[in-house]
Amino acid sequence: MAENVIEGRNLVKTYKQFVAVDHIDFSIKPQESFAFLGPNGAGKTTTMRMVCCYSPPTSGTLTVDGKDVRRDCRRIKAILGIVPQENNLDPDLTVGQNLIVYSRYFDIPRPVAIKRATEALQMFQLVERWDSRIDSLSGGMKRRLIFARALLNEPRILVLDEPTTGLDPQARHLVWQKVRYLKEHGATVLFCTQNMEEAAYLADRLVIMHQGKILAEGSPPELIARHAGKEVVELRVRVEQKERVLAQLKSRALNIEEMGDTIYLFGQDGGSLLQGLQLDTEKLMFRQATLEDVFLKLTGRALHE
């Protein structure tokens, strides 16, 4: 396996005049868990589609296991385990039939396919559903089945698009545990998500994307320390007091953001941020800085469609 199992350099993807991915660089090491974070339209899924050989780059280079995505699609797909965001199970087949049919794409002998399918269903607590029709499964069961299907070819690289969308907390934590287990047993994991807790739990390293560009890269703790500090103070102020409060805060050159009636202060010690200030607030809250603070600080608090 190459030193970087996935590597993109000066990578661009355009659709007519729209630039979806704008000259980005990233690299992922073997057995690393790497995440793309970003709001809707940031370019995350477009980048994942290029990695999976679903969509060719417009320009730049992209290699997976040392192979060029433009020339070696078949060999690249053979080592990928893909969990798409949408449900693409065959509703006319049972759970077991979905897995066995899928295994044929990889020329897996039927006895081997049955063994692997059984093991994958056991991993995701679905083995008793072997003969169930897809329409009889809950949304969470379908999602877990898609994960089980992605393991049939014993992939070296897992590519997960919003992996726990629609899952309840118990199922979400089950999936997280299994992804960590697979990584510990040799898999490289690439995923995109808007779930900050998921990114903090699973990612060794991540990039935050916005409007096709990479804004920041690092481990979750590094990004939090760099962009948000250690603590956050949330001040909720009355409308008539807001300008006066902001003037006090800005005079101290504090790291602040505002959204509606709430002002956010970022720093290493929440208490010291407020020393010497005359504040009249409706609500005052101290908390630890999180990856969500970094995400909102870099991409903005407004909605992105």
C-alpha atoms as a PDB file:
ATOM      1  CA  MET A   1       0.000   0.000   0.000  1.00  0.00           C
ATOM      2  CA  ALA A   2       1.191   3.509  -0.825  1.00  0.00           C
ATOM      3  CA  GLU A   3       2.472   5.861   1.910  1.00  0.00           C
ATOM      4  CA  ASN A   4      -0.743   7.864   1.511  1.00  0.00           C
ATOM      5  CA  VAL A   5      -3.581   5.502   0.769  1.00  0.00           C
ATOM      6  CA  ILE A   6      -5.647   8.385  -0.653  1.00  0.00           C
ATOM      7  CA  GLU A   7      -4.104  11.581  -1.992  1.00  0.00           C
ATOM      8  CA  GLY A   8      -5.610  14.551  -3.798  1.00  0.00           C
ATOM      9  CA  ARG A   9      -3.544  17.385  -5.205  1.00  0.00           C
ATOM     10  CA  ASN A  10      -4.927  20.617  -6.691  1.00  0.00           C
ATOM     11  CA  LEU A  11      -8.199  18.736  -7.105  1.00  0.00           C
ATOM     12  CA  VAL A  12     -11.016  20.474  -8.986  1.00  0.00           C
ATOM     13  CA  LYS A  13     -14.549  19.428  -9.926  1.00  0.00           C
ATOM     14  CA  THR A  14     -16.801  21.718 -11.939  1.00  0.00           C
ATOM     15  CA  TYR A  15     -20.299  21.349 -13.354  1.00  0.00           C
ATOM     16  CA  LYS A  16     -20.510  23.806 -16.251  1.00  0.00           C
ATOM     17  CA  GLN A  17     -19.880  27.169 -14.534  1.00  0.00           C
ATOM     18  CA  PHE A  18     -20.318  25.869 -10.967  1.00  0.00           C
ATOM     19  CA  VAL A  19     -17.140  24.993  -9.042  1.00  0.00           C
ATOM     20  CA  ALA A  20     -18.034  22.232  -6.568  1.00  0.00           C
ATOM     21  CA  VAL A  21     -14.463  21.444  -5.481  1.00  0.00           C
ATOM     22  CA  ASP A  22     -11.945  24.239  -5.798  1.00  0.00           C
ATOM     23  CA  HIS A  23      -8.246  23.273  -5.916  1.00  0.00           C
ATOM     24  CA  ILE A  24      -8.034  21.242  -2.699  1.00  0.00           C
ATOM     25  CA  ASP A  25      -5.136  19.186  -1.331  1.00  0.00           C
ATOM     26  CA  PHE A  26      -5.543  16.341   1.152  1.00  0.00           C
ATOM     27  CA  SER A  27      -3.904  13.028   2.023  1.00  0.00           C
ATOM     28  CA  ILE A  28      -4.963  10.053   4.128  1.00  0.00           C
ATOM     29  CA  LYS A  29      -2.575   7.545   5.648  1.00  0.00           C
ATOM     30  CA  PRO A  30      -3.232   3.794   5.920  1.00  0.00           C
ATOM     31  CA  GLN A  31      -5.440   2.853   8.887  1.00  0.00           C
ATOM     32  CA  GLU A  32      -6.328   6.498   9.502  1.00  0.00           C
ATOM     33  CA  SER A  33      -9.883   7.711  10.090  1.00  0.00           C
ATOM     34  CA  PHE A  34     -10.315  10.924   8.106  1.00  0.00           C
ATOM     35  CA  ALA A  35     -13.407  13.133   7.887  1.00  0.00           C
ATOM     36  CA  PHE A  36     -14.754  15.846   5.628  1.00  0.00           C
ATOM     37  CA  LEU A  37     -16.929  18.347   7.504  1.00  0.00           C
ATOM     38  CA  GLY A  38     -18.904  21.131   5.943  1.00  0.00           C
ATOM     39  CA  PRO A  39     -22.357  22.605   5.423  1.00  0.00           C
ATOM     40  CA  ASN A  40     -24.627  21.591   2.552  1.00  0.00           C
ATOM     41  CA  GLY A  41     -22.965  22.341  -0.772  1.00  0.00           C
ATOM     42  CA  ALA A  42     -19.451  22.463   0.677  1.00  0.00           C
ATOM     43  CA  GLY A  43     -18.094  19.848  -1.755  1.00  0.00           C
ATOM     44  CA  LYS A  44     -17.819  16.920   0.661  1.00  0.00           C
ATOM     45  CA  THR A  45     -19.944  14.389  -1.207  1.00  0.00           C
ATOM     46  CA  THR A  46     -18.525  15.519  -4.563  1.00  0.00           C
ATOM     47  CA  THR A  47     -15.027  14.755  -3.276  1.00  0.00           C
ATOM     48  CA  MET A  48     -16.164  11.353  -1.982  1.00  0.00           C
ATOM     49  CA  ARG A  49     -17.732  10.563  -5.351  1.00  0.00           C
ATOM     50  CA  MET A  50     -14.399  11.254  -7.045  1.00  0.00           C
ATOM     51  CA  VAL A  51     -12.617   8.956  -4.576  1.00  0.00           C
ATOM     52  CA  CYS A  52     -15.151   6.198  -5.357  1.00  0.00           C
ATOM     53  CA  CYS A  53     -14.642   6.670  -9.125  1.00  0.00           C
ATOM     54  CA  TYR A  54     -18.279   7.700  -9.582  1.00  0.00           C
ATOM     55  CA  SER A  55     -17.318  11.091 -10.956  1.00  0.00           C
ATOM     56  CA  PRO A  56     -14.002  11.973 -12.648  1.00  0.00           C
ATOM     57  CA  PRO A  57     -12.022  15.026 -11.511  1.00  0.00           C
ATOM     58  CA  THR A  58     -12.107  18.034 -13.797  1.00  0.00           C
ATOM     59  CA  SER A  59      -8.432  18.706 -13.099  1.00  0.00           C
ATOM     60  CA  GLY A  60      -5.750  17.918 -10.567  1.00  0.00           C
ATOM     61  CA  THR A  61      -4.689  14.444  -9.409  1.00  0.00           C
ATOM     62  CA  LEU A  62      -6.406  11.905  -7.169  1.00  0.00           C
ATOM     63  CA  THR A  63      -4.962   8.508  -6.293  1.00  0.00           C
ATOM     64  CA  VAL A  64      -6.359   5.677  -4.183  1.00  0.00           C
ATOM     65  CA  ASP A  65      -3.867   3.035  -3.022  1.00  0.00           C
ATOM     66  CA  GLY A  66      -1.415   4.527  -5.500  1.00  0.00           C
ATOM     67  CA  LYS A  67      -3.830   4.106  -8.423  1.00  0.00           C
ATOM     68  CA  ASP A  68      -5.182   6.951 -10.547  1.00  0.00           C
ATOM     69  CA  VAL A  69      -8.970   7.296 -10.305  1.00  0.00           C
ATOM     70  CA  ARG A  70      -9.169   8.097 -14.022  1.00  0.00           C
ATOM     71  CA  ARG A  71      -7.396   4.942 -15.188  1.00  0.00           C
ATOM     72  CA  ASP A  72      -7.814   2.258 -12.510  1.00  0.00           C
ATOM     73  CA  CYS A  73     -11.470   2.438 -11.482  1.00  0.00           C
ATOM     74  CA  ARG A  74     -12.040  -1.333 -11.382  1.00  0.00           C
ATOM     75  CA  ARG A  75      -9.040  -2.057  -9.189  1.00  0.00           C
ATOM     76  CA  ILE A  76      -9.890   0.844  -6.871  1.00  0.00           C
ATOM     77  CA  LYS A  77     -13.526  -0.203  -6.460  1.00  0.00           C
ATOM     78  CA  ALA A  78     -12.403  -3.730  -5.593  1.00  0.00           C
ATOM     79  CA  ILE A  79     -10.808  -2.509  -2.353  1.00  0.00           C
ATOM     80  CA  LEU A  80     -13.542  -0.057  -1.317  1.00  0.00           C
ATOM     81  CA  GLY A  81     -16.433  -0.667   1.057  1.00  0.00           C
ATOM     82  CA  ILE A  82     -18.970   2.050   0.270  1.00  0.00           C
ATOM     83  CA  VAL A  83     -21.847   3.209   2.473  1.00  0.00           C
ATOM     84  CA  PRO A  84     -23.854   5.752   0.451  1.00  0.00           C
ATOM     85  CA  GLN A  85     -26.061   8.353   2.063  1.00  0.00           C
ATOM     86  CA  GLU A  86     -29.199   7.096   0.335  1.00  0.00           C
ATOM     87  CA  ASN A  87     -30.863   3.700   0.766  1.00  0.00           C
ATOM     88  CA  ASN A  88     -30.141   1.678  -2.389  1.00  0.00           C
ATOM     89  CA  LEU A  89     -31.140  -1.782  -1.174  1.00  0.00           C
ATOM     90  CA  ASP A  90     -33.245  -3.921  -3.529  1.00  0.00           C
ATOM     91  CA  PRO A  91     -36.776  -4.047  -2.050  1.00  0.00           C
ATOM     92  CA  ASP A  92     -37.676  -7.126  -4.131  1.00  0.00           C
ATOM     93  CA  LEU A  93     -35.050  -9.267  -2.347  1.00  0.00           C
ATOM     94  CA  THR A  94     -34.686 -10.478   1.209  1.00  0.00           C
ATOM     95  CA  VAL A  95     -31.897  -9.332   3.499  1.00  0.00           C
ATOM     96  CA  GLY A  96     -29.762 -12.367   2.700  1.00  0.00           C
ATOM     97  CA  GLN A  97     -30.451 -12.150  -1.024  1.00  0.00           C
ATOM     98  CA  ASN A  98     -29.376  -8.492  -1.077  1.00  0.00           C
ATOM     99  CA  LEU A  99     -25.997  -9.487   0.294  1.00  0.00           C
ATOM    100  CA  ILE A 100     -25.485 -12.558  -1.866  1.00  0.00           C
ATOM    101  CA  VAL A 101     -26.397 -10.705  -5.063  1.00  0.00           C
ATOM    102  CA  TYR A 102     -24.067  -7.840  -4.113  1.00  0.00           C
ATOM    103  CA  SER A 103     -21.208 -10.284  -3.525  1.00  0.00           C
ATOM    104  CA  ARG A 104     -21.383 -11.328  -7.191  1.00  0.00           C
ATOM    105  CA  TYR A 105     -20.005  -7.938  -8.227  1.00  0.00           C
ATOM    106  CA  PHE A 106     -16.743  -9.026  -6.586  1.00  0.00           C
ATOM    107  CA  ASP A 107     -16.769 -12.619  -7.911  1.00  0.00           C
ATOM    108  CA  ILE A 108     -16.996 -13.975  -4.379  1.00  0.00           C
ATOM    109  CA  PRO A 109     -17.857 -17.715  -4.416  1.00  0.00           C
ATOM    110  CA  ARG A 110     -21.310 -18.394  -2.975  1.00  0.00           C
ATOM    111  CA  PRO A 111     -20.129 -20.423   0.090  1.00  0.00           C
ATOM    112  CA  VAL A 112     -17.683 -17.639   0.963  1.00  0.00           C
ATOM    113  CA  ALA A 113     -20.358 -14.996   0.377  1.00  0.00           C
ATOM    114  CA  ILE A 114     -22.802 -16.770   2.709  1.00  0.00           C
ATOM    115  CA  LYS A 115     -20.144 -17.007   5.422  1.00  0.00           C
ATOM    116  CA  ARG A 116     -19.156 -13.338   5.106  1.00  0.00           C
ATOM    117  CA  ALA A 117     -22.776 -12.196   4.931  1.00  0.00           C
ATOM    118  CA  THR A 118     -23.628 -14.121   8.096  1.00  0.00           C
ATOM    119  CA  GLU A 119     -20.649 -12.633   9.934  1.00  0.00           C
ATOM    120  CA  ALA A 120     -21.496  -9.096   8.771  1.00  0.00           C
ATOM    121  CA  LEU A 121     -25.127  -9.455   9.841  1.00  0.00           C
ATOM    122  CA  GLN A 122     -23.990 -10.754  13.224  1.00  0.00           C
ATOM    123  CA  MET A 123     -21.742  -7.732  13.608  1.00  0.00           C
ATOM    124  CA  PHE A 124     -24.674  -5.365  13.044  1.00  0.00           C
ATOM    125  CA  GLN A 125     -27.183  -7.483  14.993  1.00  0.00           C
ATOM    126  CA  LEU A 126     -29.278  -8.427  11.972  1.00  0.00           C
ATOM    127  CA  VAL A 127     -28.548 -12.126  11.478  1.00  0.00           C
ATOM    128  CA  GLU A 128     -32.050 -13.159  12.575  1.00  0.00           C
ATOM    129  CA  ARG A 129     -33.404 -11.029   9.701  1.00  0.00           C
ATOM    130  CA  TRP A 130     -31.795 -13.107   6.941  1.00  0.00           C
ATOM    131  CA  ASP A 131     -35.133 -14.051   5.351  1.00  0.00           C
ATOM    132  CA  SER A 132     -36.908 -10.721   5.991  1.00  0.00           C
ATOM    133  CA  ARG A 133     -38.094  -8.531   3.150  1.00  0.00           C
ATOM    134  CA  ILE A 134     -36.475  -5.106   2.956  1.00  0.00           C
ATOM    135  CA  ASP A 135     -39.803  -3.311   3.343  1.00  0.00           C
ATOM    136  CA  SER A 136     -40.286  -4.965   6.737  1.00  0.00           C
ATOM    137  CA  LEU A 137     -37.115  -3.386   8.163  1.00  0.00           C
ATOM    138  CA  SER A 138     -37.013  -0.150  10.101  1.00  0.00           C
ATOM    139  CA  GLY A 139     -34.955   2.748   8.757  1.00  0.00           C
ATOM    140  CA  GLY A 140     -32.195   1.988  11.251  1.00  0.00           C
ATOM    141  CA  MET A 141     -32.092  -1.678  10.259  1.00  0.00           C
ATOM    142  CA  LYS A 142     -31.776  -0.736   6.593  1.00  0.00           C
ATOM    143  CA  ARG A 143     -28.879   1.560   7.438  1.00  0.00           C
ATOM    144  CA  ARG A 144     -27.111  -1.189   9.378  1.00  0.00           C
ATOM    145  CA  LEU A 145     -27.717  -3.602   6.498  1.00  0.00           C
ATOM    146  CA  ILE A 146     -26.010  -1.201   4.100  1.00  0.00           C
ATOM    147  CA  PHE A 147     -23.005  -1.225   6.450  1.00  0.00           C
ATOM    148  CA  ALA A 148     -23.023  -5.025   6.522  1.00  0.00           C
ATOM    149  CA  ARG A 149     -23.155  -5.122   2.717  1.00  0.00           C
ATOM    150  CA  ALA A 150     -20.110  -2.814   2.479  1.00  0.00           C
ATOM    151  CA  LEU A 151     -17.983  -5.398   4.311  1.00  0.00           C
ATOM    152  CA  LEU A 152     -18.591  -8.351   1.977  1.00  0.00           C
ATOM    153  CA  ASN A 153     -15.502  -7.747  -0.163  1.00  0.00           C
ATOM    154  CA  GLU A 154     -13.315  -7.314   2.950  1.00  0.00           C
ATOM    155  CA  PRO A 155     -12.445  -3.739   1.935  1.00  0.00           C
ATOM    156  CA  ARG A 156      -9.186  -2.073   2.830  1.00  0.00           C
ATOM    157  CA  ILE A 157     -10.835   1.348   2.624  1.00  0.00           C
ATOM    158  CA  LEU A 158     -14.277   2.254   4.013  1.00  0.00           C
ATOM    159  CA  VAL A 159     -15.985   5.257   2.401  1.00  0.00           C
ATOM    160  CA  LEU A 160     -18.953   6.454   4.468  1.00  0.00           C
ATOM    161  CA  ASP A 161     -21.283   9.248   3.341  1.00  0.00           C
ATOM    162  CA  GLU A 162     -23.178  10.642   6.362  1.00  0.00           C
ATOM    163  CA  PRO A 163     -22.881   7.181   7.960  1.00  0.00           C
ATOM    164  CA  THR A 164     -25.379   7.499  10.819  1.00  0.00           C
ATOM    165  CA  THR A 165     -28.072   9.658   9.251  1.00  0.00           C
ATOM    166  CA  GLY A 166     -31.463   8.626  10.604  1.00  0.00           C
ATOM    167  CA  LEU A 167     -30.139   6.311  13.312  1.00  0.00           C
ATOM    168  CA  ASP A 168     -31.314   6.458  16.911  1.00  0.00           C
ATOM    169  CA  PRO A 169     -28.648   6.954  19.620  1.00  0.00           C
ATOM    170  CA  GLN A 170     -28.247   3.222  20.347  1.00  0.00           C
ATOM    171  CA  ALA A 171     -27.799   2.296  16.682  1.00  0.00           C
ATOM    172  CA  ARG A 172     -25.501   5.271  16.109  1.00  0.00           C
ATOM    173  CA  HIS A 173     -23.158   4.191  18.897  1.00  0.00           C
ATOM    174  CA  LEU A 174     -23.225   0.598  17.624  1.00  0.00           C
ATOM    175  CA  VAL A 175     -22.110   1.787  14.183  1.00  0.00           C
ATOM    176  CA  TRP A 176     -19.393   3.994  15.699  1.00  0.00           C
ATOM    177  CA  GLN A 177     -18.047   1.056  17.702  1.00  0.00           C
ATOM    178  CA  LYS A 178     -17.970  -1.184  14.639  1.00  0.00           C
ATOM    179  CA  VAL A 179     -16.206   1.465  12.536  1.00  0.00           C
ATOM    180  CA  ARG A 180     -13.538   1.855  15.231  1.00  0.00           C
ATOM    181  CA  TYR A 181     -13.221  -1.940  15.405  1.00  0.00           C
ATOM    182  CA  LEU A 182     -12.704  -2.180  11.643  1.00  0.00           C
ATOM    183  CA  LYS A 183     -10.107   0.595  11.750  1.00  0.00           C
ATOM    184  CA  GLU A 184      -8.227  -1.165  14.561  1.00  0.00           C
ATOM    185  CA  HIS A 185      -8.155  -4.278  12.387  1.00  0.00           C
ATOM    186  CA  GLY A 186      -6.541  -2.550   9.432  1.00  0.00           C
ATOM    187  CA  ALA A 187      -9.177  -0.571   7.535  1.00  0.00           C
ATOM    188  CA  THR A 188      -8.686   3.021   6.432  1.00  0.00           C
ATOM    189  CA  VAL A 189     -11.833   5.098   6.988  1.00  0.00           C
ATOM    190  CA  LEU A 190     -12.932   8.114   4.957  1.00  0.00           C
ATOM    191  CA  PHE A 191     -16.249   9.695   5.874  1.00  0.00           C
ATOM    192  CA  CYS A 192     -18.182  12.907   5.581  1.00  0.00           C
ATOM    193  CA  THR A 193     -20.624  14.127   8.190  1.00  0.00           C
ATOM    194  CA  GLN A 194     -22.422  17.110   9.647  1.00  0.00           C
ATOM    195  CA  ASN A 195     -22.564  15.430  13.059  1.00  0.00           C
ATOM    196  CA  MET A 196     -19.882  17.099  15.159  1.00  0.00           C
ATOM    197  CA  GLU A 197     -20.046  14.437  17.868  1.00  0.00           C
ATOM    198  CA  GLU A 198     -19.486  11.776  15.225  1.00  0.00           C
ATOM    199  CA  ALA A 199     -16.489  13.609  13.782  1.00  0.00           C
ATOM    200  CA  ALA A 200     -14.941  14.123  17.232  1.00  0.00           C
ATOM    201  CA  TYR A 201     -15.482  10.455  18.127  1.00  0.00           C
ATOM    202  CA  LEU A 202     -14.315   8.813  14.911  1.00  0.00           C
ATOM    203  CA  ALA A 203     -11.830  11.115  13.169  1.00  0.00           C
ATOM    204  CA  ASP A 204      -8.092  10.999  13.767  1.00  0.00           C
ATOM    205  CA  ARG A 205      -7.885  13.992  11.448  1.00  0.00           C
ATOM    206  CA  LEU A 206     -10.376  16.065   9.479  1.00  0.00           C
ATOM    207  CA  VAL A 207     -10.789  18.968   7.113  1.00  0.00           C
ATOM    208  CA  ILE A 208     -13.525  21.586   7.219  1.00  0.00           C
ATOM    209  CA  MET A 209     -14.813  22.504   3.763  1.00  0.00           C
ATOM    210  CA  HIS A 210     -16.865  25.482   2.664  1.00  0.00           C
ATOM    211  CA  GLN A 211     -17.834  26.522  -0.862  1.00  0.00           C
ATOM    212  CA  GLY A 212     -15.513  23.932  -2.375  1.00  0.00           C
ATOM    213  CA  LYS A 213     -12.406  24.968  -0.428  1.00  0.00           C
ATOM    214  CA  ILE A 214     -10.644  23.516   2.609  1.00  0.00           C
ATOM    215  CA  LEU A 215     -10.646  26.064   5.442  1.00  0.00           C
ATOM    216  CA  ALA A 216      -8.822  24.099   8.138  1.00  0.00           C
ATOM    217  CA  GLU A 217      -7.159  20.738   8.753  1.00  0.00           C
ATOM    218  CA  GLY A 218      -6.076  18.899  11.888  1.00  0.00           C
ATOM    219  CA  SER A 219      -7.183  16.566  14.638  1.00  0.00           C
ATOM    220  CA  PRO A 220     -10.363  17.556  16.517  1.00  0.00           C
ATOM    221  CA  PRO A 221      -8.434  18.668  19.653  1.00  0.00           C
ATOM    222  CA  GLU A 222      -5.960  20.668  17.543  1.00  0.00           C
ATOM    223  CA  LEU A 223      -8.717  22.484  15.668  1.00  0.00           C
ATOM    224  CA  ILE A 224     -10.619  23.288  18.855  1.00  0.00           C
ATOM    225  CA  ALA A 225      -7.504  24.680  20.531  1.00  0.00           C
ATOM    226  CA  ARG A 226      -6.512  26.689  17.456  1.00  0.00           C
ATOM    227  CA  HIS A 227      -9.855  28.260  16.582  1.00  0.00           C
ATOM    228  CA  ALA A 228     -11.988  28.237  19.729  1.00  0.00           C
ATOM    229  CA  GLY A 229      -9.650  27.951  22.701  1.00  0.00           C
ATOM    230  CA  LYS A 230     -10.605  25.983  25.767  1.00  0.00           C
ATOM    231  CA  GLU A 231     -13.800  27.623  26.990  1.00  0.00           C
ATOM    232  CA  VAL A 232     -16.777  29.434  25.517  1.00  0.00           C
ATOM    233  CA  VAL A 233     -18.950  31.996  27.266  1.00  0.00           C
ATOM    234  CA  GLU A 234     -22.458  32.482  25.892  1.00  0.00           C
ATOM    235  CA  LEU A 235     -24.101  35.813  26.721  1.00  0.00           C
ATOM    236  CA  ARG A 236     -27.762  36.418  25.959  1.00  0.00           C
ATOM    237  CA  VAL A 237     -28.463  40.144  26.069  1.00  0.00           C
ATOM    238  CA  ARG A 238     -31.503  42.359  25.660  1.00  0.00           C
ATOM    239  CA  VAL A 239     -31.759  44.138  22.332  1.00  0.00           C
ATOM    240  CA  GLU A 240     -31.389  47.601  23.867  1.00  0.00           C
ATOM    241  CA  GLN A 241     -28.201  46.495  25.674  1.00  0.00           C
ATOM    242  CA  LYS A 242     -26.520  44.672  22.820  1.00  0.00           C
ATOM    243  CA  GLU A 243     -24.546  47.555  21.294  1.00  0.00           C
ATOM    244  CA  ARG A 244     -23.215  48.664  24.684  1.00  0.00           C
ATOM    245  CA  VAL A 245     -22.152  45.112  25.571  1.00  0.00           C
ATOM    246  CA  LEU A 246     -20.498  44.611  22.185  1.00  0.00           C
ATOM    247  CA  ALA A 247     -18.618  47.882  22.554  1.00  0.00           C
ATOM    248  CA  GLN A 248     -17.196  46.737  25.908  1.00  0.00           C
ATOM    249  CA  LEU A 249     -16.159  43.374  24.510  1.00  0.00           C
ATOM    250  CA  LYS A 250     -14.571  44.830  21.378  1.00  0.00           C
ATOM    251  CA  SER A 251     -12.628  47.356  23.447  1.00  0.00           C
ATOM    252  CA  ARG A 252     -10.906  44.382  25.081  1.00  0.00           C
ATOM    253  CA  ALA A 253     -10.057  42.859  21.685  1.00  0.00           C
ATOM    254  CA  LEU A 254     -11.760  39.623  22.713  1.00  0.00           C
ATOM    255  CA  ASN A 255     -12.407  36.787  20.289  1.00  0.00           C
ATOM    256  CA  ILE A 256     -16.169  37.117  19.855  1.00  0.00           C
ATOM    257  CA  GLU A 257     -19.044  36.210  17.554  1.00  0.00           C
ATOM    258  CA  GLU A 258     -22.676  37.247  17.617  1.00  0.00           C
ATOM    259  CA  MET A 259     -25.850  35.591  16.428  1.00  0.00           C
ATOM    260  CA  GLY A 260     -29.220  37.163  17.142  1.00  0.00           C
ATOM    261  CA  ASP A 261     -29.433  37.997  20.843  1.00  0.00           C
ATOM    262  CA  THR A 262     -26.481  35.739  21.779  1.00  0.00           C
ATOM    263  CA  ILE A 263     -22.813  36.723  21.949  1.00  0.00           C
ATOM    264  CA  TYR A 264     -20.089  34.059  22.046  1.00  0.00           C
ATOM    265  CA  LEU A 265     -16.692  34.667  23.672  1.00  0.00           C
ATOM    266  CA  PHE A 266     -13.810  32.264  22.983  1.00  0.00           C
ATOM    267  CA  GLY A 267     -10.689  31.860  25.098  1.00  0.00           C
ATOM    268  CA  GLN A 268      -8.679  29.733  27.480  1.00  0.00           C
ATOM    269  CA  ASP A 269     -10.503  30.757  30.674  1.00  0.00           C
ATOM    270  CA  GLY A 270     -14.120  31.853  30.604  1.00  0.00           C
ATOM    271  CA  GLY A 271     -13.884  33.655  33.931  1.00  0.00           C
ATOM    272  CA  SER A 272     -10.954  35.814  32.874  1.00  0.00           C
ATOM    273  CA  LEU A 273     -12.818  36.834  29.708  1.00  0.00           C
ATOM    274  CA  LEU A 274     -15.412  38.636  31.816  1.00  0.00           C
ATOM    275  CA  GLN A 275     -13.119  40.296  34.373  1.00  0.00           C
ATOM    276  CA  GLY A 276     -13.664  44.049  34.612  1.00  0.00           C
ATOM    277  CA  LEU A 277     -16.719  44.058  32.363  1.00  0.00           C
ATOM    278  CA  GLN A 278     -20.054  45.635  33.374  1.00  0.00           C
ATOM    279  CA  LEU A 279     -22.560  43.299  31.791  1.00  0.00           C
ATOM    280  CA  ASP A 280     -26.331  43.207  32.034  1.00  0.00           C
ATOM    281  CA  THR A 281     -27.314  39.837  30.581  1.00  0.00           C
ATOM    282  CA  GLU A 282     -30.420  37.681  30.538  1.00  0.00           C
ATOM    283  CA  LYS A 283     -28.382  34.484  30.434  1.00  0.00           C
ATOM    284  CA  LEU A 284     -24.736  33.640  31.086  1.00  0.00           C
ATOM    285  CA  MET A 285     -23.321  30.172  30.398  1.00  0.00           C
ATOM    286  CA  PHE A 286     -19.797  28.766  30.606  1.00  0.00           C
ATOM    287  CA  ARG A 287     -18.921  25.582  28.719  1.00  0.00           C
ATOM    288  CA  GLN A 288     -16.038  23.767  27.073  1.00  0.00           C
ATOM    289  CA  ALA A 289     -15.274  24.626  23.459  1.00  0.00           C
ATOM    290  CA  THR A 290     -16.346  21.959  20.950  1.00  0.00           C
ATOM    291  CA  LEU A 291     -15.798  21.036  17.341  1.00  0.00           C
ATOM    292  CA  GLU A 292     -19.177  22.599  16.565  1.00  0.00           C
ATOM    293  CA  ASP A 293     -17.828  25.967  17.722  1.00  0.00           C
ATOM    294  CA  VAL A 294     -14.957  25.602  15.260  1.00  0.00           C
ATOM    295  CA  PHE A 295     -17.321  24.563  12.474  1.00  0.00           C
ATOM    296  CA  LEU A 296     -19.663  27.526  13.003  1.00  0.00           C
ATOM    297  CA  LYS A 297     -16.811  29.968  13.492  1.00  0.00           C
ATOM    298  CA  LEU A 298     -15.213  29.012  10.172  1.00  0.00           C
ATOM    299  CA  THR A 299     -18.311  28.455   8.021  1.00  0.00           C
ATOM    300  CA  GLY A 300     -20.654  30.985   9.615  1.00  0.00           C
ATOM    301  CA  ARG A 301     -23.885  30.637  11.541  1.00  0.00           C
ATOM    302  CA  ALA A 302     -26.201  31.455   8.648  1.00  0.00           C
ATOM    303  CA  LEU A 303     -28.034  28.694   6.763  1.00  0.00           C
ATOM    304  CA  HIS A 304     -26.369  27.283   3.645  1.00  0.00           C
ATOM    305  CA  GLU A 305     -28.478  25.709   0.912  1.00  0.00           C
END
